[in-house]
Every structure is written in structure tokens, then in C-alpha cells.
Protein backbone atom coordinates (compact mmCIF):
# COMPACT_ATOMS: atom_id res chain seq x y z
CA UNK A 1 0.00 0.00 0.00
CA UNK A 2 1.17 3.54 -0.70
CA UNK A 3 1.22 5.95 2.26
CA UNK A 4 1.56 9.74 2.14
CA UNK A 5 1.68 11.96 5.22
CA UNK A 6 1.13 15.65 4.49
CA UNK A 7 1.13 18.82 6.61
CA UNK A 8 0.34 22.34 5.38
CA UNK A 9 4.11 23.01 5.22
CA UNK A 10 5.55 19.83 3.67
CA UNK A 11 5.34 16.14 2.82
CA UNK A 12 6.50 14.15 5.87
CA UNK A 13 6.49 10.65 4.36
CA UNK A 14 5.79 8.98 1.05
CA UNK A 15 6.36 5.33 0.22
CA UNK A 16 5.21 1.72 0.20
CA UNK A 17 4.27 0.30 3.61
CA UNK A 18 2.73 -2.82 5.16
CA UNK A 19 0.24 -0.79 7.21
CA UNK A 20 -0.33 2.20 9.49
CA UNK A 21 -1.87 2.61 12.96
CA UNK A 22 -3.78 5.86 13.48
CA UNK A 23 -5.43 7.68 16.43
CA UNK A 24 -9.04 8.03 15.30
CA UNK A 25 -11.61 10.17 17.12
CA UNK A 26 -13.24 7.00 18.54
CA UNK A 27 -9.98 5.15 19.19
CA UNK A 28 -6.91 3.62 17.61
CA UNK A 29 -7.35 1.78 14.29
CA UNK A 30 -5.13 0.16 11.69
CA UNK A 31 -5.13 0.32 7.89
CA UNK A 32 -3.50 -2.60 6.05
CA UNK A 33 -2.93 -3.52 2.40
CA UNK A 34 -6.12 -3.53 0.26
CA UNK A 35 -8.23 -1.88 3.00
CA UNK A 36 -11.78 -0.86 2.07
CA UNK A 37 -12.32 2.83 1.16
CA UNK A 38 -12.45 5.02 4.25
CA UNK A 39 -12.42 8.65 5.38
CA UNK A 40 -11.91 9.38 9.08
CA UNK A 41 -11.07 12.27 11.40
CA UNK A 42 -7.92 11.91 13.50
CA UNK A 43 -7.17 13.29 16.95
CA UNK A 44 -3.78 14.24 18.34
CA UNK A 45 -1.73 11.18 19.27
CA UNK A 46 0.85 8.73 18.00
CA UNK A 47 0.83 7.24 14.51
CA UNK A 48 2.87 4.09 13.79
CA UNK A 49 4.00 3.19 10.29
CA UNK A 50 4.58 -0.53 9.69
CA UNK A 51 7.20 -0.38 6.95
CA UNK A 52 7.32 -4.19 6.85
CA UNK A 53 6.67 -6.97 9.35
CA UNK A 54 9.67 -5.95 11.51
CA UNK A 55 10.52 -2.26 10.82
CA UNK A 56 8.40 0.60 12.15
CA UNK A 57 8.50 4.40 12.40
CA UNK A 58 6.47 6.51 14.82
CA UNK A 59 5.20 10.08 14.60
CA UNK A 60 3.41 12.33 17.06
CA UNK A 61 0.61 14.01 15.11
CA UNK A 62 -1.87 16.80 15.66
CA UNK A 63 -5.46 16.43 14.51
CA UNK A 64 -6.36 15.84 10.89
CA UNK A 65 -7.94 13.39 8.45
CA UNK A 66 -7.12 10.14 6.66
CA UNK A 67 -8.42 8.93 3.31
CA UNK A 68 -8.04 5.35 2.07
CA UNK A 69 -8.86 4.73 -1.60
CA UNK A 70 -7.49 2.30 -4.22
CA UNK A 71 -4.75 0.90 -1.93
CA UNK A 72 -3.46 4.45 -1.28
CA UNK A 73 -3.62 6.05 2.18
CA UNK A 74 -3.32 9.82 2.52
CA UNK A 75 -2.93 11.33 6.00
CA UNK A 76 -3.51 15.09 6.23
CA UNK A 77 -2.47 16.54 9.61
CA UNK A 78 -1.85 19.97 11.12
CA UNK A 79 1.61 18.89 12.26
CA UNK A 80 3.78 15.81 12.74
CA UNK A 81 7.05 15.08 14.50
CA UNK A 82 9.08 11.86 14.24
CA UNK A 83 9.53 10.05 17.57
């Protein structure tokens, strides 16, 4: 799956990943390869990128939105900082 993380200032991440864990308004959820189409609001919290089955990267994000469509996940956030 292709993941892009965007802030108003710049692109934080772009690449192929195994999955991503996101802090949704109602709780933490995970998007994996070939996920059904989805749009969701995000709250401030930690986002974890699963680059493959063993490598991960974590970001602290401010609120925003995520869109999943055609095996592409786009995360739009006010700000993000790598942990």
C-alpha cells in the first residue's frame, strides 16, 4: 500500500508500507494492504507506520484526516514530529 503523510508546510512521508496505525476520534485503528475505502477524522496522538513486518516508524501528530482509496492512504495533519 502507498502511504503519504502531508502537513500544510511539507510532505512528511511517502512510500510503500505494510500498514499504518492511526489515532481516530473513537480510538486507535489500523489500515492494512487492500483496505476498504475510508475517510476518518484523526485526533492528536501517535501514529505508527509498519514499513514491513519488523521495521516501524512513529510520529506524534496533531489532529487531521485520513483517506483510504485504491490501496493508497493519505494522511492530512496539522503537524507531525518523528519520535
